[in-house]
Amino acid sequence: MSNIIEFFQNLELLDWIFYLIGGLMIIYSLFAVEAKKVFDSILALSAVSLLSVLLFIVLKAPDVAITEAAVGSGLASAVMIFALFRMKAGEKK
C-alpha cells in the first residue's frame, strides 16, 4: 500500500495528464466496443481520436496533432457516419 502512495506522490503534473488522458482513452475505447448502437461507437471512437490529439499536443508534436484532428477525428468520423446513414437508408428501401 505504501508503494502505491509513494507512486502517486512522485507523479508530476505531466504524468497526471498522461494518466488521465490514457485512462479516458481506455474508457472510451471500451465504450466503443460495448455500445449497443453503432452511432454511439462512432462518437466514442471520435472522442478517443480527440484525446490522442491532446496527447500529441502535450508531447509537443503539433503537426501530428493537426493531422490526427483532421483525419482521425474529422474525416474518419464523417465517413463512418455517412456510411451508417447510407446503410440505414438502404435498409428502408
PDB file of N, CA and C in Angstrom:
ATOM      1  N   MET A   1       0.826  -1.191   0.000  1.00  0.00           N
ATOM      2  CA  MET A   1       0.000   0.000   0.000  1.00  0.00           C
ATOM      3  C   MET A   1       0.865   1.247   0.000  1.00  0.00           C
ATOM      4  N   SER A   2       1.959   1.215   0.711  1.00  0.00           N
ATOM      5  CA  SER A   2       2.813   2.397   0.763  1.00  0.00           C
ATOM      6  C   SER A   2       3.478   2.639  -0.583  1.00  0.00           C
ATOM      7  N   ASN A   3       3.690   1.564  -1.349  1.00  0.00           N
ATOM      8  CA  ASN A   3       4.261   1.756  -2.680  1.00  0.00           C
ATOM      9  C   ASN A   3       3.317   2.528  -3.591  1.00  0.00           C
ATOM     10  N   ILE A   4       2.031   2.280  -3.475  1.00  0.00           N
ATOM     11  CA  ILE A   4       1.044   2.997  -4.293  1.00  0.00           C
ATOM     12  C   ILE A   4       1.016   4.463  -3.900  1.00  0.00           C
ATOM     13  N   ILE A   5       1.050   4.740  -2.611  1.00  0.00           N
ATOM     14  CA  ILE A   5       1.037   6.131  -2.141  1.00  0.00           C
ATOM     15  C   ILE A   5       2.293   6.853  -2.602  1.00  0.00           C
ATOM     16  N   GLU A   6       3.432   6.195  -2.501  1.00  0.00           N
ATOM     17  CA  GLU A   6       4.680   6.805  -2.965  1.00  0.00           C
ATOM     18  C   GLU A   6       4.647   7.038  -4.477  1.00  0.00           C
ATOM     19  N   PHE A   7       4.020   6.095  -5.195  1.00  0.00           N
ATOM     20  CA  PHE A   7       3.903   6.244  -6.643  1.00  0.00           C
ATOM     21  C   PHE A   7       3.128   7.509  -6.992  1.00  0.00           C
ATOM     22  N   PHE A   8       1.987   7.717  -6.318  1.00  0.00           N
ATOM     23  CA  PHE A   8       1.175   8.892  -6.627  1.00  0.00           C
ATOM     24  C   PHE A   8       1.824  10.181  -6.140  1.00  0.00           C
ATOM     25  N   GLN A   9       2.601  10.116  -5.066  1.00  0.00           N
ATOM     26  CA  GLN A   9       3.277  11.310  -4.575  1.00  0.00           C
ATOM     27  C   GLN A   9       4.417  11.735  -5.500  1.00  0.00           C
ATOM     28  N   ASN A  10       5.002  10.792  -6.198  1.00  0.00           N
ATOM     29  CA  ASN A  10       6.124  11.113  -7.066  1.00  0.00           C
ATOM     30  C   ASN A  10       5.704  11.558  -8.468  1.00  0.00           C
ATOM     31  N   LEU A  11       4.402  11.497  -8.745  1.00  0.00           N
ATOM     32  CA  LEU A  11       3.932  11.913 -10.061  1.00  0.00           C
ATOM     33  C   LEU A  11       3.985  13.427 -10.193  1.00  0.00           C
ATOM     34  N   GLU A  12       4.363  13.879 -11.352  1.00  0.00           N
ATOM     35  CA  GLU A  12       4.339  15.305 -11.638  1.00  0.00           C
ATOM     36  C   GLU A  12       3.097  15.626 -12.460  1.00  0.00           C
ATOM     37  N   LEU A  13       2.885  16.886 -12.740  1.00  0.00           N
ATOM     38  CA  LEU A  13       1.671  17.306 -13.445  1.00  0.00           C
ATOM     39  C   LEU A  13       1.561  16.655 -14.821  1.00  0.00           C
ATOM     40  N   LEU A  14       2.658  16.590 -15.527  1.00  0.00           N
ATOM     41  CA  LEU A  14       2.644  15.981 -16.855  1.00  0.00           C
ATOM     42  C   LEU A  14       2.286  14.499 -16.778  1.00  0.00           C
ATOM     43  N   ASP A  15       2.777  13.822 -15.743  1.00  0.00           N
ATOM     44  CA  ASP A  15       2.418  12.414 -15.566  1.00  0.00           C
ATOM     45  C   ASP A  15       0.927  12.265 -15.307  1.00  0.00           C
ATOM     46  N   TRP A  16       0.365  13.161 -14.478  1.00  0.00           N
ATOM     47  CA  TRP A  16      -1.078  13.127 -14.200  1.00  0.00           C
ATOM     48  C   TRP A  16      -1.873  13.305 -15.483  1.00  0.00           C
ATOM     49  N   ILE A  17      -1.425  14.225 -16.330  1.00  0.00           N
ATOM     50  CA  ILE A  17      -2.127  14.462 -17.591  1.00  0.00           C
ATOM     51  C   ILE A  17      -2.088  13.210 -18.461  1.00  0.00           C
ATOM     52  N   PHE A  18      -0.905  12.588 -18.553  1.00  0.00           N
ATOM     53  CA  PHE A  18      -0.802  11.366 -19.354  1.00  0.00           C
ATOM     54  C   PHE A  18      -1.721  10.271 -18.830  1.00  0.00           C
ATOM     55  N   TYR A  19      -1.726  10.064 -17.529  1.00  0.00           N
ATOM     56  CA  TYR A  19      -2.559   9.006 -16.965  1.00  0.00           C
ATOM     57  C   TYR A  19      -4.045   9.335 -17.113  1.00  0.00           C
ATOM     58  N   LEU A  20      -4.394  10.602 -16.950  1.00  0.00           N
ATOM     59  CA  LEU A  20      -5.801  10.986 -17.092  1.00  0.00           C
ATOM     60  C   LEU A  20      -6.277  10.776 -18.525  1.00  0.00           C
ATOM     61  N   ILE A  21      -5.513  11.269 -19.474  1.00  0.00           N
ATOM     62  CA  ILE A  21      -5.907  11.115 -20.875  1.00  0.00           C
ATOM     63  C   ILE A  21      -5.874   9.646 -21.287  1.00  0.00           C
ATOM     64  N   GLY A  22      -4.872   8.919 -20.856  1.00  0.00           N
ATOM     65  CA  GLY A  22      -4.801   7.489 -21.171  1.00  0.00           C
ATOM     66  C   GLY A  22      -5.963   6.714 -20.584  1.00  0.00           C
ATOM     67  N   GLY A  23      -6.332   7.053 -19.354  1.00  0.00           N
ATOM     68  CA  GLY A  23      -7.477   6.394 -18.730  1.00  0.00           C
ATOM     69  C   GLY A  23      -8.773   6.692 -19.457  1.00  0.00           C
ATOM     70  N   LEU A  24      -8.945   7.954 -19.846  1.00  0.00           N
ATOM     71  CA  LEU A  24     -10.149   8.308 -20.604  1.00  0.00           C
ATOM     72  C   LEU A  24     -10.174   7.614 -21.951  1.00  0.00           C
ATOM     73  N   MET A  25      -9.013   7.488 -22.585  1.00  0.00           N
ATOM     74  CA  MET A  25      -8.966   6.786 -23.872  1.00  0.00           C
ATOM     75  C   MET A  25      -9.367   5.329 -23.713  1.00  0.00           C
ATOM     76  N   ILE A  26      -8.921   4.697 -22.638  1.00  0.00           N
ATOM     77  CA  ILE A  26      -9.298   3.297 -22.392  1.00  0.00           C
ATOM     78  C   ILE A  26     -10.800   3.184 -22.150  1.00  0.00           C
ATOM     79  N   ILE A  27     -11.346   4.111 -21.365  1.00  0.00           N
ATOM     80  CA  ILE A  27     -12.786   4.071 -21.063  1.00  0.00           C
ATOM     81  C   ILE A  27     -13.612   4.256 -22.336  1.00  0.00           C
ATOM     82  N   TYR A  28     -13.244   5.244 -23.148  1.00  0.00           N
ATOM     83  CA  TYR A  28     -13.987   5.470 -24.392  1.00  0.00           C
ATOM     84  C   TYR A  28     -13.818   4.303 -25.364  1.00  0.00           C
ATOM     85  N   SER A  29     -12.648   3.695 -25.373  1.00  0.00           N
ATOM     86  CA  SER A  29     -12.440   2.538 -26.251  1.00  0.00           C
ATOM     87  C   SER A  29     -13.319   1.370 -25.834  1.00  0.00           C
ATOM     88  N   LEU A  30     -13.386   1.136 -24.542  1.00  0.00           N
ATOM     89  CA  LEU A  30     -14.262   0.058 -24.064  1.00  0.00           C
ATOM     90  C   LEU A  30     -15.729   0.376 -24.367  1.00  0.00           C
ATOM     91  N   PHE A  31     -16.095   1.648 -24.211  1.00  0.00           N
ATOM     92  CA  PHE A  31     -17.471   2.033 -24.544  1.00  0.00           C
ATOM     93  C   PHE A  31     -17.757   1.827 -26.021  1.00  0.00           C
ATOM     94  N   ALA A  32     -16.765   2.132 -26.867  1.00  0.00           N
ATOM     95  CA  ALA A  32     -16.960   1.948 -28.307  1.00  0.00           C
ATOM     96  C   ALA A  32     -17.182   0.483 -28.650  1.00  0.00           C
ATOM     97  N   VAL A  33     -16.521  -0.398 -27.949  1.00  0.00           N
ATOM     98  CA  VAL A  33     -16.668  -1.829 -28.218  1.00  0.00           C
ATOM     99  C   VAL A  33     -18.003  -2.342 -27.678  1.00  0.00           C
ATOM    100  N   GLU A  34     -18.400  -1.864 -26.516  1.00  0.00           N
ATOM    101  CA  GLU A  34     -19.567  -2.414 -25.838  1.00  0.00           C
ATOM    102  C   GLU A  34     -20.871  -1.663 -26.138  1.00  0.00           C
ATOM    103  N   ALA A  35     -20.830  -0.586 -26.887  1.00  0.00           N
ATOM    104  CA  ALA A  35     -22.038   0.208 -27.143  1.00  0.00           C
ATOM    105  C   ALA A  35     -23.046  -0.596 -27.949  1.00  0.00           C
ATOM    106  N   LYS A  36     -24.317  -0.360 -27.653  1.00  0.00           N
ATOM    107  CA  LYS A  36     -25.383  -1.077 -28.348  1.00  0.00           C
ATOM    108  C   LYS A  36     -25.640  -0.497 -29.738  1.00  0.00           C
ATOM    109  N   LYS A  37     -25.489   0.826 -29.862  1.00  0.00           N
ATOM    110  CA  LYS A  37     -25.741   1.485 -31.140  1.00  0.00           C
ATOM    111  C   LYS A  37     -24.422   1.795 -31.834  1.00  0.00           C
ATOM    112  N   VAL A  38     -24.425   1.655 -33.131  1.00  0.00           N
ATOM    113  CA  VAL A  38     -23.219   1.913 -33.920  1.00  0.00           C
ATOM    114  C   VAL A  38     -22.854   3.392 -33.865  1.00  0.00           C
ATOM    115  N   PHE A  39     -23.862   4.248 -33.866  1.00  0.00           N
ATOM    116  CA  PHE A  39     -23.602   5.686 -33.808  1.00  0.00           C
ATOM    117  C   PHE A  39     -22.861   6.069 -32.533  1.00  0.00           C
ATOM    118  N   ASP A  40     -23.236   5.453 -31.406  1.00  0.00           N
ATOM    119  CA  ASP A  40     -22.530   5.709 -30.146  1.00  0.00           C
ATOM    120  C   ASP A  40     -21.079   5.243 -30.229  1.00  0.00           C
ATOM    121  N   SER A  41     -20.849   4.128 -30.900  1.00  0.00           N
ATOM    122  CA  SER A  41     -19.484   3.635 -31.069  1.00  0.00           C
ATOM    123  C   SER A  41     -18.645   4.605 -31.895  1.00  0.00           C
ATOM    124  N   ILE A  42     -19.259   5.152 -32.933  1.00  0.00           N
ATOM    125  CA  ILE A  42     -18.535   6.112 -33.775  1.00  0.00           C
ATOM    126  C   ILE A  42     -18.171   7.356 -32.973  1.00  0.00           C
ATOM    127  N   LEU A  43     -19.102   7.827 -32.168  1.00  0.00           N
ATOM    128  CA  LEU A  43     -18.819   9.002 -31.345  1.00  0.00           C
ATOM    129  C   LEU A  43     -17.715   8.708 -30.330  1.00  0.00           C
ATOM    130  N   ALA A  44     -17.717   7.526 -29.762  1.00  0.00           N
ATOM    131  CA  ALA A  44     -16.680   7.164 -28.800  1.00  0.00           C
ATOM    132  C   ALA A  44     -15.318   7.071 -29.481  1.00  0.00           C
ATOM    133  N   LEU A  45     -15.283   6.524 -30.682  1.00  0.00           N
ATOM    134  CA  LEU A  45     -14.019   6.466 -31.419  1.00  0.00           C
ATOM    135  C   LEU A  45     -13.522   7.850 -31.773  1.00  0.00           C
ATOM    136  N   SER A  46     -14.431   8.743 -32.074  1.00  0.00           N
ATOM    137  CA  SER A  46     -14.040  10.127 -32.339  1.00  0.00           C
ATOM    138  C   SER A  46     -13.471  10.780 -31.090  1.00  0.00           C
ATOM    139  N   ALA A  47     -14.052  10.470 -29.949  1.00  0.00           N
ATOM    140  CA  ALA A  47     -13.535  11.004 -28.685  1.00  0.00           C
ATOM    141  C   ALA A  47     -12.135  10.478 -28.390  1.00  0.00           C
ATOM    142  N   VAL A  48     -11.900   9.208 -28.680  1.00  0.00           N
ATOM    143  CA  VAL A  48     -10.561   8.627 -28.494  1.00  0.00           C
ATOM    144  C   VAL A  48      -9.547   9.350 -29.381  1.00  0.00           C
ATOM    145  N   SER A  49      -9.971   9.636 -30.591  1.00  0.00           N
ATOM    146  CA  SER A  49      -9.082  10.345 -31.509  1.00  0.00           C
ATOM    147  C   SER A  49      -8.786  11.758 -31.012  1.00  0.00           C
ATOM    148  N   LEU A  50      -9.798  12.432 -30.491  1.00  0.00           N
ATOM    149  CA  LEU A  50      -9.579  13.777 -29.952  1.00  0.00           C
ATOM    150  C   LEU A  50      -8.664  13.742 -28.733  1.00  0.00           C
ATOM    151  N   LEU A  51      -8.805  12.726 -27.907  1.00  0.00           N
ATOM    152  CA  LEU A  51      -7.913  12.609 -26.750  1.00  0.00           C
ATOM    153  C   LEU A  51      -6.475  12.342 -27.182  1.00  0.00           C
ATOM    154  N   SER A  52      -6.315  11.586 -28.257  1.00  0.00           N
ATOM    155  CA  SER A  52      -4.953  11.369 -28.757  1.00  0.00           C
ATOM    156  C   SER A  52      -4.365  12.669 -29.288  1.00  0.00           C
ATOM    157  N   VAL A  53      -5.221  13.548 -29.804  1.00  0.00           N
ATOM    158  CA  VAL A  53      -4.749  14.873 -30.231  1.00  0.00           C
ATOM    159  C   VAL A  53      -4.177  15.629 -29.027  1.00  0.00           C
ATOM    160  N   LEU A  54      -4.863  15.540 -27.901  1.00  0.00           N
ATOM    161  CA  LEU A  54      -4.346  16.193 -26.695  1.00  0.00           C
ATOM    162  C   LEU A  54      -2.995  15.626 -26.292  1.00  0.00           C
ATOM    163  N   LEU A  55      -2.861  14.319 -26.387  1.00  0.00           N
ATOM    164  CA  LEU A  55      -1.573  13.703 -26.046  1.00  0.00           C
ATOM    165  C   LEU A  55      -0.468  14.182 -26.983  1.00  0.00           C
ATOM    166  N   PHE A  56      -0.779  14.291 -28.248  1.00  0.00           N
ATOM    167  CA  PHE A  56       0.237  14.764 -29.194  1.00  0.00           C
ATOM    168  C   PHE A  56       0.628  16.209 -28.910  1.00  0.00           C
ATOM    169  N   ILE A  57      -0.328  17.010 -28.479  1.00  0.00           N
ATOM    170  CA  ILE A  57      -0.020  18.401 -28.138  1.00  0.00           C
ATOM    171  C   ILE A  57       0.873  18.453 -26.909  1.00  0.00           C
ATOM    172  N   VAL A  58       0.566  17.648 -25.915  1.00  0.00           N
ATOM    173  CA  VAL A  58       1.389  17.607 -24.700  1.00  0.00           C
ATOM    174  C   VAL A  58       2.795  17.108 -25.031  1.00  0.00           C
ATOM    175  N   LEU A  59       2.882  16.187 -25.970  1.00  0.00           N
ATOM    176  CA  LEU A  59       4.191  15.653 -26.371  1.00  0.00           C
ATOM    177  C   LEU A  59       4.933  16.571 -27.338  1.00  0.00           C
ATOM    178  N   LYS A  60       4.357  17.750 -27.572  1.00  0.00           N
ATOM    179  CA  LYS A  60       4.968  18.767 -28.429  1.00  0.00           C
ATOM    180  C   LYS A  60       5.175  18.277 -29.865  1.00  0.00           C
ATOM    181  N   ALA A  61       4.116  17.663 -30.386  1.00  0.00           N
ATOM    182  CA  ALA A  61       4.103  17.232 -31.780  1.00  0.00           C
ATOM    183  C   ALA A  61       2.874  17.846 -32.456  1.00  0.00           C
ATOM    184  N   PRO A  62       2.889  19.158 -32.680  1.00  0.00           N
ATOM    185  CA  PRO A  62       1.672  19.805 -33.189  1.00  0.00           C
ATOM    186  C   PRO A  62       1.295  19.376 -34.599  1.00  0.00           C
ATOM    187  N   ASP A  63       2.271  19.044 -35.439  1.00  0.00           N
ATOM    188  CA  ASP A  63       1.931  18.616 -36.791  1.00  0.00           C
ATOM    189  C   ASP A  63       1.193  17.285 -36.791  1.00  0.00           C
ATOM    190  N   VAL A  64       1.597  16.384 -35.928  1.00  0.00           N
ATOM    191  CA  VAL A  64       0.900  15.102 -35.810  1.00  0.00           C
ATOM    192  C   VAL A  64      -0.485  15.314 -35.207  1.00  0.00           C
ATOM    193  N   ALA A  65      -0.583  16.244 -34.266  1.00  0.00           N
ATOM    194  CA  ALA A  65      -1.875  16.534 -33.642  1.00  0.00           C
ATOM    195  C   ALA A  65      -2.851  17.111 -34.660  1.00  0.00           C
ATOM    196  N   ILE A  66      -2.378  18.007 -35.489  1.00  0.00           N
ATOM    197  CA  ILE A  66      -3.257  18.590 -36.511  1.00  0.00           C
ATOM    198  C   ILE A  66      -3.712  17.522 -37.494  1.00  0.00           C
ATOM    199  N   THR A  67      -2.800  16.656 -37.894  1.00  0.00           N
ATOM    200  CA  THR A  67      -3.162  15.581 -38.817  1.00  0.00           C
ATOM    201  C   THR A  67      -4.165  14.625 -38.189  1.00  0.00           C
ATOM    202  N   GLU A  68      -3.939  14.274 -36.937  1.00  0.00           N
ATOM    203  CA  GLU A  68      -4.865  13.372 -36.247  1.00  0.00           C
ATOM    204  C   GLU A  68      -6.235  14.018 -36.094  1.00  0.00           C
ATOM    205  N   ALA A  69      -6.262  15.318 -35.795  1.00  0.00           N
ATOM    206  CA  ALA A  69      -7.543  16.010 -35.642  1.00  0.00           C
ATOM    207  C   ALA A  69      -8.285  16.052 -36.962  1.00  0.00           C
ATOM    208  N   ALA A  70      -7.564  16.321 -38.041  1.00  0.00           N
ATOM    209  CA  ALA A  70      -8.222  16.437 -39.343  1.00  0.00           C
ATOM    210  C   ALA A  70      -8.645  15.083 -39.893  1.00  0.00           C
ATOM    211  N   VAL A  71      -7.733  14.141 -39.871  1.00  0.00           N
ATOM    212  CA  VAL A  71      -8.010  12.837 -40.498  1.00  0.00           C
ATOM    213  C   VAL A  71      -8.693  11.882 -39.532  1.00  0.00           C
ATOM    214  N   GLY A  72      -8.092  11.676 -38.380  1.00  0.00           N
ATOM    215  CA  GLY A  72      -8.616  10.675 -37.448  1.00  0.00           C
ATOM    216  C   GLY A  72      -9.939  11.048 -36.844  1.00  0.00           C
ATOM    217  N   SER A  73     -10.029  12.265 -36.401  1.00  0.00           N
ATOM    218  CA  SER A  73     -11.253  12.676 -35.727  1.00  0.00           C
ATOM    219  C   SER A  73     -12.283  13.231 -36.698  1.00  0.00           C
ATOM    220  N   GLY A  74     -11.836  14.032 -37.627  1.00  0.00           N
ATOM    221  CA  GLY A  74     -12.785  14.679 -38.523  1.00  0.00           C
ATOM    222  C   GLY A  74     -13.213  13.826 -39.685  1.00  0.00           C
ATOM    223  N   LEU A  75     -12.291  13.516 -40.553  1.00  0.00           N
ATOM    224  CA  LEU A  75     -12.630  12.823 -41.798  1.00  0.00           C
ATOM    225  C   LEU A  75     -13.114  11.395 -41.565  1.00  0.00           C
ATOM    226  N   ALA A  76     -12.414  10.652 -40.721  1.00  0.00           N
ATOM    227  CA  ALA A  76     -12.805   9.261 -40.481  1.00  0.00           C
ATOM    228  C   ALA A  76     -14.180   9.182 -39.826  1.00  0.00           C
ATOM    229  N   SER A  77     -14.435  10.070 -38.876  1.00  0.00           N
ATOM    230  CA  SER A  77     -15.756  10.066 -38.227  1.00  0.00           C
ATOM    231  C   SER A  77     -16.852  10.447 -39.213  1.00  0.00           C
ATOM    232  N   ALA A  78     -16.566  11.432 -40.049  1.00  0.00           N
ATOM    233  CA  ALA A  78     -17.565  11.842 -41.032  1.00  0.00           C
ATOM    234  C   ALA A  78     -17.858  10.722 -42.020  1.00  0.00           C
ATOM    235  N   VAL A  79     -16.835  10.022 -42.458  1.00  0.00           N
ATOM    236  CA  VAL A  79     -17.039   8.918 -43.399  1.00  0.00           C
ATOM    237  C   VAL A  79     -17.843   7.795 -42.743  1.00  0.00           C
ATOM    238  N   MET A  80     -17.524   7.483 -41.470  1.00  0.00           N
ATOM    239  CA  MET A  80     -18.263   6.419 -40.788  1.00  0.00           C
ATOM    240  C   MET A  80     -19.723   6.804 -40.572  1.00  0.00           C
ATOM    241  N   ILE A  81     -19.983   8.052 -40.210  1.00  0.00           N
ATOM    242  CA  ILE A  81     -21.372   8.500 -40.015  1.00  0.00           C
ATOM    243  C   ILE A  81     -22.112   8.506 -41.347  1.00  0.00           C
ATOM    244  N   PHE A  82     -21.457   8.965 -42.395  1.00  0.00           N
ATOM    245  CA  PHE A  82     -22.076   8.945 -43.723  1.00  0.00           C
ATOM    246  C   PHE A  82     -22.412   7.517 -44.144  1.00  0.00           C
ATOM    247  N   ALA A  83     -21.489   6.589 -43.931  1.00  0.00           N
ATOM    248  CA  ALA A  83     -21.728   5.186 -44.275  1.00  0.00           C
ATOM    249  C   ALA A  83     -22.862   4.602 -43.450  1.00  0.00           C
ATOM    250  N   LEU A  84     -22.933   4.979 -42.194  1.00  0.00           N
ATOM    251  CA  LEU A  84     -24.020   4.490 -41.334  1.00  0.00           C
ATOM    252  C   LEU A  84     -25.374   4.968 -41.840  1.00  0.00           C
ATOM    253  N   PHE A  85     -25.457   6.249 -42.205  1.00  0.00           N
ATOM    254  CA  PHE A  85     -26.719   6.770 -42.715  1.00  0.00           C
ATOM    255  C   PHE A  85     -27.069   6.147 -44.062  1.00  0.00           C
ATOM    256  N   ARG A  86     -26.084   5.884 -44.886  1.00  0.00           N
ATOM    257  CA  ARG A  86     -26.346   5.227 -46.173  1.00  0.00           C
ATOM    258  C   ARG A  86     -26.862   3.810 -45.954  1.00  0.00           C
ATOM    259  N   MET A  87     -26.304   3.117 -44.966  1.00  0.00           N
ATOM    260  CA  MET A  87     -26.763   1.761 -44.676  1.00  0.00           C
ATOM    261  C   MET A  87     -28.204   1.773 -44.186  1.00  0.00           C
ATOM    262  N   LYS A  88     -28.526   2.747 -43.322  1.00  0.00           N
ATOM    263  CA  LYS A  88     -29.907   2.834 -42.811  1.00  0.00           C
ATOM    264  C   LYS A  88     -30.874   3.202 -43.931  1.00  0.00           C
ATOM    265  N   ALA A  89     -30.450   4.061 -44.855  1.00  0.00           N
ATOM    266  CA  ALA A  89     -31.303   4.429 -45.981  1.00  0.00           C
ATOM    267  C   ALA A  89     -31.521   3.224 -46.895  1.00  0.00           C
ATOM    268  N   GLY A  90     -30.508   2.389 -47.045  1.00  0.00           N
ATOM    269  CA  GLY A  90     -30.633   1.188 -47.871  1.00  0.00           C
ATOM    270  C   GLY A  90     -31.554   0.160 -47.254  1.00  0.00           C
ATOM    271  N   GLU A  91     -31.596   0.099 -45.922  1.00  0.00           N
ATOM    272  CA  GLU A  91     -32.459  -0.859 -45.253  1.00  0.00           C
ATOM    273  C   GLU A  91     -33.937  -0.493 -45.401  1.00  0.00           C
ATOM    274  N   LYS A  92     -34.241   0.794 -45.500  1.00  0.00           N
ATOM    275  CA  LYS A  92     -35.638   1.237 -45.589  1.00  0.00           C
ATOM    276  C   LYS A  92     -36.244   0.963 -46.959  1.00  0.00           C
ATOM    277  N   LYS A  93     -35.403   0.836 -47.994  1.00  0.00           N
ATOM    278  CA  LYS A  93     -35.922   0.637 -49.354  1.00  0.00           C
ATOM    279  C   LYS A  93     -36.460  -0.740 -49.542  1.00  0.00           C
TER     280      LYS A  93
END
